[in-house]
Protein backbone atom coordinates (compact mmCIF):
# COMPACT_ATOMS: atom_id res chain seq x y z
CA MET A 1 11.80 -0.29 -25.67
CA MET A 2 12.72 -1.83 -22.32
CA SER A 3 16.09 -1.51 -20.58
CA TYR A 4 17.72 -4.73 -19.47
CA ARG A 5 16.57 -5.37 -15.92
CA THR A 6 19.31 -6.30 -13.46
CA ASN A 7 19.53 -6.02 -9.72
CA LYS A 8 23.16 -4.91 -10.09
CA LEU A 9 21.94 -1.52 -11.34
CA LEU A 10 19.64 1.06 -9.75
CA ASN A 11 15.97 0.77 -10.65
CA ALA A 12 13.55 3.49 -9.59
CA ASP A 13 10.94 1.01 -8.38
CA ASP A 14 13.22 -0.66 -5.83
CA THR A 15 15.28 2.28 -4.56
CA CYS A 16 14.88 4.89 -1.82
CA PHE A 17 16.96 8.08 -1.70
CA ILE A 18 18.07 9.45 1.69
CA PHE A 19 19.52 12.94 2.15
CA ILE A 20 21.20 13.46 5.51
CA ASP A 21 22.17 16.81 7.05
CA HIS A 22 22.74 19.02 4.01
CA GLN A 23 22.77 22.05 6.29
CA PRO A 24 24.95 25.18 6.38
CA GLN A 25 26.97 24.47 9.52
CA MET A 26 27.69 20.95 8.31
CA ALA A 27 28.78 22.29 4.91
CA PHE A 28 31.09 24.81 6.59
CA GLY A 29 33.16 21.89 7.88
CA VAL A 30 33.53 20.17 4.51
CA ALA A 31 37.05 20.22 3.07
CA SER A 32 37.01 17.20 0.74
CA ILE A 33 35.06 18.82 -2.14
CA ASP A 34 34.28 22.33 -3.33
CA ARG A 35 31.14 23.27 -1.43
CA GLN A 36 29.33 24.83 -4.38
CA GLN A 37 29.98 21.64 -6.36
CA LEU A 38 28.70 19.64 -3.39
CA LYS A 39 25.45 21.61 -3.38
CA ASN A 40 25.12 21.31 -7.17
CA ASN A 41 25.52 17.53 -7.08
CA THR A 42 23.13 17.11 -4.16
CA VAL A 43 20.37 19.14 -5.81
CA ALA A 44 20.91 17.22 -9.07
CA LEU A 45 20.56 13.96 -7.17
CA ALA A 46 17.30 15.11 -5.59
CA LYS A 47 15.96 16.13 -9.00
CA THR A 48 16.93 12.69 -10.29
CA ALA A 49 14.98 10.92 -7.56
CA LYS A 50 11.96 13.18 -8.20
CA LEU A 51 12.10 12.67 -11.97
CA PHE A 52 12.03 8.89 -11.70
CA GLY A 53 9.46 8.78 -8.91
CA ALA A 54 11.68 7.15 -6.28
CA PRO A 55 10.82 7.85 -2.63
CA ILE A 56 12.93 10.46 -0.86
CA ILE A 57 13.62 10.80 2.85
CA LEU A 58 15.08 14.03 4.19
CA THR A 59 16.60 14.32 7.64
CA ALA A 60 18.36 17.06 9.61
CA VAL A 61 20.39 17.20 12.82
CA GLU A 62 20.19 19.85 15.57
CA THR A 63 18.70 22.40 13.20
CA ALA A 64 17.85 25.13 15.70
CA SER A 65 20.85 24.75 18.00
CA PHE A 66 23.72 24.17 15.58
CA SER A 67 23.30 23.13 11.95
CA GLY A 68 20.82 25.61 10.47
CA TYR A 69 18.13 25.01 7.88
CA ILE A 70 18.61 22.55 5.03
CA TRP A 71 19.73 24.31 1.85
CA PRO A 72 16.74 26.05 0.26
CA GLU A 73 17.64 24.70 -3.18
CA LEU A 74 17.29 21.14 -1.84
CA MET A 75 14.11 21.94 0.09
CA ASP A 76 12.51 23.40 -3.02
CA VAL A 77 13.08 20.12 -4.89
CA VAL A 78 12.12 17.67 -2.16
CA GLN A 79 9.31 19.73 -0.59
CA GLN A 80 8.89 17.72 2.58
CA THR A 81 9.38 18.30 6.29
CA PRO A 82 12.74 16.81 7.35
CA ILE A 83 12.94 14.23 10.10
CA GLU A 84 14.68 16.04 12.95
CA ARG A 85 17.36 14.24 15.01
CA THR A 86 19.92 14.73 17.75
CA SER A 87 22.03 11.65 16.98
CA MET A 88 24.91 11.71 14.49
CA ASN A 89 23.74 8.26 13.41
CA SER A 90 20.40 8.73 11.66
CA TRP A 91 19.78 4.98 12.07
CA ASP A 92 19.27 5.76 15.77
CA SER A 93 16.11 7.65 14.76
CA GLU A 94 13.13 5.32 15.02
CA GLU A 95 11.16 7.74 12.83
CA LEU A 96 13.73 7.59 10.05
CA VAL A 97 14.14 3.82 10.13
CA ALA A 98 10.35 3.41 10.10
CA ALA A 99 10.13 5.75 7.10
CA VAL A 100 12.78 3.73 5.26
CA LYS A 101 11.08 0.43 5.96
CA ALA A 102 7.67 1.86 5.03
CA THR A 103 8.90 2.43 1.48
CA GLY A 104 9.40 -1.32 1.06
CA LYS A 105 12.63 -0.65 -0.85
CA LYS A 106 15.76 -2.71 -0.24
CA LYS A 107 18.18 -0.44 -2.11
CA LEU A 108 19.17 2.79 -0.40
CA VAL A 109 20.96 5.66 -2.13
CA ILE A 110 22.47 7.82 0.59
CA ALA A 111 24.20 11.21 0.55
CA ALA A 112 25.24 12.92 3.77
CA LEU A 113 27.35 15.44 5.60
CA TRP A 114 29.78 14.43 6.96
CA THR A 115 31.06 11.33 5.20
CA GLU A 116 33.00 10.07 8.23
CA ALA A 117 30.00 10.13 10.55
CA CYS A 118 26.56 10.92 9.14
CA LEU A 119 27.12 8.81 6.01
CA LEU A 120 29.31 6.11 7.54
CA PHE A 121 27.21 5.25 10.59
CA PRO A 122 23.78 4.68 8.96
CA THR A 123 25.38 2.95 5.98
CA LEU A 124 27.01 0.35 8.20
CA CYS A 125 23.77 -0.10 10.17
CA ALA A 126 21.62 -0.44 7.04
CA LEU A 127 24.02 -2.98 5.56
CA GLU A 128 23.85 -5.00 8.78
CA GLU A 129 20.04 -5.04 8.47
CA GLY A 130 20.22 -6.45 4.95
CA PHE A 131 19.78 -3.32 2.83
CA GLU A 132 21.86 -2.74 -0.28
CA VAL A 133 23.48 0.67 0.06
CA PHE A 134 24.80 2.98 -2.65
CA ILE A 135 26.77 5.97 -1.35
CA ILE A 136 26.93 9.13 -3.46
CA THR A 137 30.50 10.24 -2.96
CA ASP A 138 30.19 13.65 -4.65
CA ALA A 139 26.98 14.64 -2.83
CA SER A 140 28.69 13.86 0.48
CA GLY A 141 31.68 15.57 2.06
CA GLY A 142 34.15 15.07 4.86
CA THR A 143 36.20 17.34 7.08
CA SER A 144 39.32 16.39 5.10
CA VAL A 145 40.10 14.44 1.95
CA GLU A 146 41.75 11.75 4.08
CA SER A 147 38.76 11.44 6.39
CA HIS A 148 36.31 11.27 3.47
CA GLU A 149 38.34 8.66 1.60
CA ALA A 150 38.95 6.53 4.70
CA ALA A 151 35.22 6.45 5.42
CA VAL A 152 34.43 5.54 1.80
CA ARG A 153 36.92 2.65 1.94
CA ARG A 154 35.41 1.40 5.18
CA MET A 155 31.89 1.47 3.74
CA GLU A 156 33.01 -0.29 0.57
CA GLN A 157 34.78 -2.94 2.62
CA ALA A 158 31.49 -3.52 4.46
CA GLY A 159 29.64 -3.94 1.14
CA ALA A 160 28.44 -0.47 0.13
CA LYS A 161 28.75 0.61 -3.51
CA SER A 162 30.13 4.03 -4.46
CA LEU A 163 28.77 6.12 -7.28
CA THR A 164 28.39 9.76 -8.27
CA SER A 165 25.36 11.93 -8.87
CA VAL A 166 25.66 11.82 -12.67
CA THR A 167 26.04 8.03 -12.57
CA ALA A 168 22.80 7.74 -10.60
CA LEU A 169 21.01 9.85 -13.22
CA LEU A 170 22.31 7.89 -16.19
CA GLU A 171 21.84 4.53 -14.46
CA LEU A 172 18.16 5.21 -13.91
CA GLN A 173 17.68 6.42 -17.49
CA ARG A 174 19.89 3.77 -19.20
CA ASP A 175 18.08 3.91 -22.53
CA TRP A 176 17.66 7.12 -24.53
CA ALA A 177 14.50 5.60 -26.03
CA LYS A 178 12.76 6.13 -22.65
CA ARG A 179 11.05 9.28 -23.85
CA GLU A 180 8.95 9.80 -20.72
CA SER A 181 12.06 10.79 -18.75
CA TYR A 182 14.38 11.91 -21.57
CA ASP A 183 13.60 15.64 -21.43
CA GLY A 184 13.85 15.66 -17.65
CA VAL A 185 17.24 13.96 -17.75
CA MET A 186 18.49 16.46 -20.31
CA ALA A 187 17.23 19.35 -18.16
CA ILE A 188 19.22 18.05 -15.17
CA VAL A 189 22.30 17.48 -17.32
CA ARG A 190 22.22 20.98 -18.80
CA GLU A 191 21.61 22.65 -15.44
CA HIS A 192 24.06 20.70 -13.28
CA PHE A 193 26.69 18.72 -15.16
CA GLY A 194 29.17 21.18 -16.55
CA ALA A 195 30.86 20.32 -19.84
CA TYR A 196 28.37 17.53 -20.50
CA GLY A 197 25.49 19.98 -20.23
CA MET A 198 27.28 22.61 -22.32
CA GLY A 199 27.79 20.00 -25.03
CA VAL A 200 24.09 19.16 -24.99
CA ASP A 201 23.19 22.85 -25.34
CA TYR A 202 25.60 23.17 -28.25
CA ALA A 203 24.25 20.09 -30.03
CA TYR A 204 20.63 21.15 -29.52
CA THR A 205 21.08 24.69 -30.81
CA MET A 206 23.91 24.50 -33.35
CA VAL A 207 23.38 21.01 -34.78
CA HIS A 208 19.65 20.39 -34.35
CA LYS A 209 18.70 24.10 -34.55
CA ALA A 210 16.55 23.97 -31.41
CA PRO A 211 15.77 27.30 -29.73
CA GLN A 212 18.03 28.48 -26.97
CA ARG A 213 16.68 27.57 -23.54
CA GLY A 214 17.52 30.82 -21.77
CA ALA A 215 14.86 33.41 -21.02
CA PHE A 216 17.02 35.99 -22.79
CA PRO A 217 18.57 34.26 -25.82
CA HIS A 218 21.79 35.27 -27.49
CA THR A 219 21.13 37.38 -30.60
CA VAL A 220 24.03 37.67 -33.03
CA ALA A 221 24.35 41.20 -34.37
CA ASN A 222 26.62 42.53 -37.13
CA VAL A 223 27.75 39.11 -38.30
CA PRO A 224 30.99 39.55 -40.27
CA GLU A 225 31.30 38.01 -43.69
CA HIS A 226 34.04 35.38 -43.98
CA ALA A 227 35.95 34.78 -47.18
């Protein structure tokens, strides 16, 4: 079964994912979102790109002198050497722009720290060069809620589209009959998306009687008899 093809939605074969500066010192300055939730959403987004075979570009700023190493959880998913930069605007990096253009993709999904600089600047530049840009608002963070939201409004006014990490996952799947990615989507949902994932675990085990997924499953002992 084929999903309806539209250019208004993300498609894995025409989209490139860019992760910008998900590094400790940058995360320390984030005040617009809980930082553990930020990491969770970012790793889920990377797993989404991997699952659907979309190209990923990873970049870091001033790693040795200021920002520190990219989160190990993200590195373990992406498994590539980041493009190192000094500029806040990653679009100033000839290496990064060349990597983007080498993918041949015209849709860019971008997540970055911070929203008001490292997401805003390359988004505006990419839009000016004719790319369609989707910003992941919950895998990006700003130094204040106001600063994050102001930057998001500015990018939207310039033509960027906002979405969240779970939307990106579901938008690429679209049809539950796509069995080749179904199990992978469910694995990401159960690991990263809170109540949604808990509901899936409940349905699998209690309704469909699937085995528990944990390495040490819950055994019910001394079950009381109910009248």
